[in-house]
Amino acid sequence: MKYLNRTLLAGITLWCWIRYPLPTLHTLRRARRLPCAGLPVTGNDKFFWRKIFDHDPRFVIVSDKLACKEWVAARVPELSIASVLWKGTDPSRIPDALLRHNAVFKANHGCGTNHLIHQGHYDRRHVEQLGSRWMSQGHGRRHHEWGYFGITRQLFLEEMIAPDTGGPDELKIYTFGSRVVRLVHISGRFQNMRANVWYFDQAGQAIRSGERAAVAPPSSTQPLPPAIDEALAIARKLGQEFDHVRVDLLWDGERLWFGELTLYNQAGHFPGRLGTHKDSPLTQHWTVLDSSFFRRQLSGWRNWYRHALQRELT
């Protein structure tokens, strides 16, 4: 029985490589090994598996930057969320009056689609060109980030948080169910950017790590924000519904704000040993058995595969 189980899982892995060659090659290039999709072991394997098999309808909601605001507000009503000043599909219809203040121009369906407008300094033509380009481009196809596929594309203008302080601190909190495992604290986003990595012991105590974050060098003197306990509680509340999600919060010096929820860290990749080693804390705490794949109705070979994978992981 065990031999047949392993044969089925190996066959599923081979099928994934053939059926999804581009995301397979992207994973190979970044992780320097082919993804074991049939029996996901490492963090990067689990991201690849999520893209192919875990098509939770909520992924589309939380990947949509507009829909996610409402989803989060319903669960954590006390959390501040930046106001939407305008939304639509045609950037030429943005009122000039809204562009004469601090604002952030965004697209709801992509990554890296943020354009800052400080104190009304903007180029109308550039804003419209950006918006038109964003509307013409999908997101997630290259790395097969399934959660983005079903988003109805929109542009929106959002209030800017802490425009006079060089921007808020960012807290990127890695949750696995209701457990927080890793945090990246980014400060000085628009000035002298620094990023510290923190982990948490069994008692929930924060431990500064010597690991260098991907976005910036560390600061040995930068403490966590005073609202860190509140931030962690919010992250646990939002994270408890998923096997893994990164909860991004902002700290303006006075209160916490919602940033976004990220299902595909770095397009589905944990950097370095975090994503490629079985003993990585991110790998060890991510249990795909907690995903929606093991709760929803399935038929045919996917149902057989689910039972085989469940037998192997339990």
Protein backbone atom coordinates (compact mmCIF):
# COMPACT_ATOMS: atom_id res chain seq x y z
CA MET A 1 0.00 0.00 0.00
CA LYS A 2 2.78 2.41 0.89
CA TYR A 3 4.52 1.67 -2.41
CA LEU A 4 1.34 2.37 -4.38
CA ASN A 5 0.81 5.57 -2.39
CA ARG A 6 4.31 6.82 -3.15
CA THR A 7 3.93 5.86 -6.83
CA LEU A 8 0.74 7.91 -7.10
CA LEU A 9 2.39 10.93 -5.44
CA ALA A 10 5.41 10.65 -7.75
CA GLY A 11 3.05 10.50 -10.73
CA ILE A 12 1.25 13.63 -9.55
CA THR A 13 4.60 15.44 -9.27
CA LEU A 14 5.54 14.45 -12.82
CA TRP A 15 2.12 15.52 -14.08
CA CYS A 16 2.58 18.97 -12.47
CA TRP A 17 5.96 19.43 -14.16
CA ILE A 18 4.50 18.57 -17.57
CA ARG A 19 1.19 20.42 -17.15
CA TYR A 20 2.73 23.59 -15.63
CA PRO A 21 6.20 23.97 -17.21
CA LEU A 22 6.65 27.72 -16.68
CA PRO A 23 5.96 27.84 -12.91
CA THR A 24 8.02 24.65 -12.60
CA LEU A 25 10.98 26.27 -14.34
CA HIS A 26 10.58 29.48 -12.32
CA THR A 27 10.68 27.44 -9.11
CA LEU A 28 13.72 25.53 -10.34
CA ARG A 29 15.53 28.76 -11.15
CA ARG A 30 14.79 30.38 -7.80
CA ALA A 31 15.01 27.38 -5.47
CA ARG A 32 17.60 25.45 -7.50
CA ARG A 33 15.54 22.30 -7.29
CA LEU A 34 12.40 21.01 -8.94
CA PRO A 35 9.26 21.37 -6.82
CA CYS A 36 7.94 18.18 -5.25
CA ALA A 37 4.29 19.00 -5.82
CA GLY A 38 2.84 15.55 -5.19
CA LEU A 39 4.29 15.42 -1.67
CA PRO A 40 5.17 19.03 -0.72
CA VAL A 41 7.88 19.08 1.94
CA THR A 42 9.69 22.42 1.82
CA GLY A 43 8.14 25.88 1.98
CA ASN A 44 8.67 26.43 -1.74
CA ASP A 45 7.10 23.04 -2.51
CA LYS A 46 4.06 24.12 -0.53
CA PHE A 47 3.76 27.40 -2.42
CA PHE A 48 3.89 25.47 -5.72
CA TRP A 49 1.31 23.00 -4.40
CA ARG A 50 -0.95 25.86 -3.29
CA LYS A 51 -0.88 27.36 -6.79
CA ILE A 52 -1.87 24.10 -8.46
CA PHE A 53 -4.25 22.50 -5.98
CA ASP A 54 -5.51 24.92 -3.31
CA HIS A 55 -8.08 27.04 -5.15
CA ASP A 56 -9.85 28.45 -2.12
CA PRO A 57 -12.46 31.03 -3.31
CA ARG A 58 -11.37 33.31 -0.47
CA PHE A 59 -7.97 33.62 -2.15
CA VAL A 60 -9.54 35.81 -4.85
CA ILE A 61 -11.13 38.05 -2.21
CA VAL A 62 -7.99 38.60 -0.13
CA SER A 63 -5.81 39.05 -3.25
CA ASP A 64 -8.12 41.86 -4.43
CA LYS A 65 -6.87 45.03 -2.71
CA LEU A 66 -10.35 46.55 -2.69
CA ALA A 67 -12.38 43.49 -1.69
CA CYS A 68 -9.84 42.65 1.00
CA LYS A 69 -10.52 45.92 2.81
CA GLU A 70 -14.14 44.89 3.41
CA TRP A 71 -13.13 41.32 4.32
CA VAL A 72 -10.70 42.56 6.97
CA ALA A 73 -13.03 45.27 8.29
CA ALA A 74 -15.70 42.63 8.97
CA ARG A 75 -13.25 40.63 11.09
CA VAL A 76 -11.24 43.37 12.80
CA PRO A 77 -13.51 46.45 12.85
CA GLU A 78 -11.18 48.30 15.23
CA LEU A 79 -8.28 48.24 12.73
CA SER A 80 -7.75 51.46 10.75
CA ILE A 81 -8.07 51.02 6.99
CA ALA A 82 -7.07 53.67 4.46
CA SER A 83 -10.09 55.33 2.81
CA VAL A 84 -10.75 54.85 -0.90
CA LEU A 85 -11.10 58.32 -2.46
CA TRP A 86 -11.98 57.12 -5.96
CA LYS A 87 -12.26 53.87 -7.89
CA GLY A 88 -12.95 53.03 -11.51
CA THR A 89 -11.49 51.64 -14.70
CA ASP A 90 -10.69 54.84 -16.60
CA PRO A 91 -7.87 56.93 -15.05
CA SER A 92 -8.91 59.98 -17.07
CA ARG A 93 -12.00 60.19 -14.86
CA ILE A 94 -10.06 60.79 -11.63
CA PRO A 95 -11.10 64.27 -10.41
CA ASP A 96 -8.21 66.75 -10.38
CA ALA A 97 -9.27 67.89 -6.91
CA LEU A 98 -8.36 64.46 -5.48
CA LEU A 99 -4.89 64.58 -7.02
CA ARG A 100 -4.07 67.90 -5.37
CA HIS A 101 -3.48 66.24 -1.99
CA ASN A 102 -1.49 63.36 -0.53
CA ALA A 103 -2.75 60.15 -2.09
CA VAL A 104 -1.68 56.76 -3.41
CA PHE A 105 -2.76 55.59 -6.86
CA LYS A 106 -3.15 51.80 -7.06
CA ALA A 107 -4.53 48.86 -9.01
CA ASN A 108 -6.51 46.24 -7.11
CA HIS A 109 -5.30 43.24 -9.09
CA GLY A 110 -1.51 43.46 -9.08
CA CYS A 111 1.72 43.74 -7.15
CA GLY A 112 3.97 46.80 -7.28
CA THR A 113 1.18 49.02 -8.61
CA ASN A 114 1.62 51.89 -6.14
CA HIS A 115 2.18 55.46 -7.25
CA LEU A 116 2.64 58.09 -4.52
CA ILE A 117 1.32 61.62 -4.97
CA HIS A 118 2.80 64.02 -2.43
CA GLN A 119 1.03 67.32 -1.72
CA GLY A 120 -0.54 67.53 -5.15
CA HIS A 121 2.69 67.15 -7.11
CA TYR A 122 1.70 64.93 -10.00
CA ASP A 123 1.85 64.59 -13.76
CA ARG A 124 -1.68 63.94 -15.01
CA ARG A 125 -0.46 62.35 -18.20
CA HIS A 126 1.84 60.00 -16.28
CA VAL A 127 -0.96 58.98 -13.90
CA GLU A 128 -3.24 58.17 -16.83
CA GLN A 129 -0.51 56.22 -18.63
CA LEU A 130 0.17 54.20 -15.49
CA GLY A 131 -3.50 53.45 -15.00
CA SER A 132 -4.00 52.40 -18.62
CA ARG A 133 -0.98 50.11 -18.46
CA TRP A 134 -2.12 48.52 -15.19
CA MET A 135 -5.60 47.91 -16.61
CA SER A 136 -4.14 46.19 -19.66
CA GLN A 137 -1.97 43.86 -17.63
CA GLY A 138 -3.02 40.83 -15.63
CA HIS A 139 -1.02 39.64 -12.68
CA GLY A 140 0.03 36.25 -11.42
CA ARG A 141 0.07 34.37 -14.73
CA ARG A 142 3.85 34.15 -14.96
CA HIS A 143 4.20 32.40 -11.60
CA HIS A 144 0.69 30.88 -11.65
CA GLU A 145 -0.57 32.80 -8.61
CA TRP A 146 -4.10 31.48 -8.89
CA GLY A 147 -5.68 33.91 -6.40
CA TYR A 148 -5.22 36.81 -8.84
CA PHE A 149 -6.87 35.10 -11.82
CA GLY A 150 -10.49 35.88 -10.93
CA ILE A 151 -10.10 39.52 -9.85
CA THR A 152 -12.16 42.10 -11.73
CA ARG A 153 -9.59 44.80 -12.52
CA GLN A 154 -10.03 48.25 -11.03
CA LEU A 155 -7.99 51.34 -10.30
CA PHE A 156 -8.34 53.33 -7.13
CA LEU A 157 -7.02 56.33 -5.27
CA GLU A 158 -6.37 55.88 -1.57
CA GLU A 159 -5.54 58.21 1.29
CA MET A 160 -1.83 58.29 2.15
CA ILE A 161 -0.84 57.13 5.64
CA ALA A 162 1.71 59.25 7.57
CA PRO A 163 2.74 61.44 4.59
CA ASP A 164 4.76 63.87 6.74
CA THR A 165 6.94 61.33 8.54
CA GLY A 166 8.64 59.54 5.66
CA GLY A 167 5.98 56.88 5.64
CA PRO A 168 4.77 54.41 8.27
CA ASP A 169 6.69 51.42 9.58
CA GLU A 170 5.69 48.13 8.00
CA LEU A 171 5.13 44.87 9.84
CA LYS A 172 5.13 41.79 7.61
CA ILE A 173 3.81 39.03 9.88
CA TYR A 174 4.02 35.40 8.75
CA THR A 175 1.12 33.41 10.18
CA PHE A 176 0.31 29.70 10.03
CA GLY A 177 -3.19 29.31 11.31
CA SER A 178 -3.28 31.35 14.52
CA ARG A 179 0.46 30.98 15.12
CA VAL A 180 2.88 33.81 14.31
CA VAL A 181 6.33 32.50 13.37
CA ARG A 182 8.26 35.31 11.65
CA LEU A 183 8.05 39.09 11.39
CA VAL A 184 9.91 41.58 9.20
CA HIS A 185 9.87 45.13 10.60
CA ILE A 186 10.63 47.77 7.95
CA SER A 187 11.27 51.37 8.92
CA GLY A 188 12.27 54.46 6.92
CA ARG A 189 10.67 53.24 3.71
CA PHE A 190 11.19 56.60 1.94
CA GLN A 191 14.32 57.75 3.76
CA ASN A 192 16.97 55.44 5.26
CA MET A 193 15.25 52.08 4.97
CA ARG A 194 16.09 49.36 7.48
CA ALA A 195 14.54 45.93 8.02
CA ASN A 196 14.84 43.65 11.02
CA VAL A 197 13.77 40.01 11.13
CA TRP A 198 12.20 38.62 14.30
CA TYR A 199 11.09 35.12 15.28
CA PHE A 200 8.88 33.98 18.16
CA ASP A 201 9.48 31.24 20.71
CA GLN A 202 6.86 28.83 22.05
CA ALA A 203 5.75 31.42 24.61
CA GLY A 204 5.30 34.05 21.88
CA GLN A 205 8.35 36.06 22.94
CA ALA A 206 9.97 38.03 20.10
CA ILE A 207 13.60 37.15 19.33
CA ARG A 208 15.71 39.39 17.09
CA SER A 209 17.34 37.38 14.31
CA GLY A 210 20.67 37.95 12.59
CA GLU A 211 19.00 37.03 9.30
CA ARG A 212 19.06 39.79 6.70
CA ALA A 213 15.70 40.65 5.14
CA ALA A 214 15.45 40.79 1.37
CA VAL A 215 14.43 44.46 1.23
CA ALA A 216 17.05 46.31 3.32
CA PRO A 217 19.94 45.96 5.81
CA PRO A 218 19.12 45.59 9.51
CA SER A 219 19.30 48.14 12.34
CA SER A 220 20.64 46.85 15.66
CA THR A 221 18.98 49.67 17.58
CA GLN A 222 15.49 49.78 16.01
CA PRO A 223 12.90 48.41 18.49
CA LEU A 224 9.59 46.92 17.57
CA PRO A 225 6.67 49.40 17.64
CA PRO A 226 4.94 49.83 21.02
CA ALA A 227 1.75 48.36 19.49
CA ILE A 228 3.45 45.07 18.63
CA ASP A 229 1.22 42.97 20.91
CA GLU A 230 -1.89 44.43 19.29
CA ALA A 231 -0.40 43.82 15.84
CA LEU A 232 0.31 40.18 16.63
CA ALA A 233 -3.21 39.67 17.99
CA ILE A 234 -4.69 41.11 14.78
CA ALA A 235 -2.41 38.93 12.66
CA ARG A 236 -3.47 35.81 14.55
CA LYS A 237 -7.13 36.67 14.11
CA LEU A 238 -6.76 37.15 10.36
CA GLY A 239 -4.35 34.26 9.91
CA GLN A 240 -6.43 31.66 11.73
CA GLU A 241 -8.61 31.08 8.66
CA PHE A 242 -5.71 29.90 6.48
CA ASP A 243 -2.91 27.36 6.58
CA HIS A 244 -0.55 30.24 5.76
CA VAL A 245 -0.91 33.94 5.00
CA ARG A 246 1.36 36.95 5.49
CA VAL A 247 -0.44 39.77 7.27
CA ASP A 248 0.98 43.22 6.48
CA LEU A 249 0.21 46.02 8.93
CA LEU A 250 1.39 49.63 9.10
CA TRP A 251 2.33 51.72 12.15
CA ASP A 252 2.15 55.52 11.84
CA GLY A 253 3.49 56.23 15.33
CA GLU A 254 0.04 56.39 16.89
CA ARG A 255 -2.07 53.55 15.53
CA LEU A 256 -2.02 50.45 13.37
CA TRP A 257 -3.37 50.36 9.83
CA PHE A 258 -4.18 47.48 7.53
CA GLY A 259 -1.72 46.95 4.67
CA GLU A 260 -2.57 43.79 2.76
CA LEU A 261 -2.80 40.02 2.97
CA THR A 262 -0.24 38.09 0.94
CA LEU A 263 -0.83 34.50 -0.11
CA TYR A 264 2.16 34.16 -2.44
CA ASN A 265 5.17 35.70 -0.68
CA GLN A 266 7.60 36.90 -3.37
CA ALA A 267 5.37 35.27 -6.02
CA GLY A 268 5.41 32.01 -4.04
CA HIS A 269 8.91 31.82 -2.62
CA PHE A 270 10.66 31.89 0.74
CA PRO A 271 14.24 33.13 0.28
CA GLY A 272 17.29 30.96 0.94
CA ARG A 273 17.08 28.14 3.46
CA LEU A 274 13.65 29.32 4.59
CA GLY A 275 12.12 27.86 1.45
CA THR A 276 14.42 24.97 0.60
CA HIS A 277 15.12 23.16 3.89
CA LYS A 278 12.77 20.87 5.78
CA ASP A 279 14.00 22.22 9.13
CA SER A 280 13.07 25.83 8.30
CA PRO A 281 10.60 27.23 10.88
CA LEU A 282 8.36 28.42 8.05
CA THR A 283 8.32 24.95 6.53
CA GLN A 284 7.75 23.17 9.83
CA HIS A 285 4.78 25.30 10.84
CA TRP A 286 3.05 25.20 7.44
CA THR A 287 0.68 22.23 7.38
CA VAL A 288 -1.12 21.89 4.05
CA LEU A 289 -3.57 19.54 5.78
CA ASP A 290 -5.12 22.73 7.20
CA SER A 291 -5.84 24.07 3.69
CA SER A 292 -9.24 24.20 2.01
CA PHE A 293 -8.13 21.41 -0.36
CA PHE A 294 -8.80 18.94 2.45
CA ARG A 295 -12.24 20.37 3.27
CA ARG A 296 -13.99 20.95 -0.05
CA GLN A 297 -15.83 18.46 -2.27
CA LEU A 298 -13.56 16.73 -4.80
CA SER A 299 -14.09 13.97 -7.33
CA GLY A 300 -12.06 11.76 -9.65
CA TRP A 301 -8.29 11.57 -9.44
CA ARG A 302 -8.04 14.69 -7.28
CA ASN A 303 -10.03 12.93 -4.58
CA TRP A 304 -7.77 9.86 -4.83
CA TYR A 305 -4.75 12.12 -4.67
CA ARG A 306 -6.08 13.93 -1.60
CA HIS A 307 -6.52 10.64 0.26
CA ALA A 308 -3.03 9.50 -0.75
CA LEU A 309 -1.46 12.77 0.39
CA GLN A 310 -3.41 12.69 3.64
CA ARG A 311 -2.18 9.16 4.35
CA GLU A 312 1.41 10.24 3.73
CA LEU A 313 1.24 13.35 5.92
CA THR A 314 -0.53 11.83 8.91
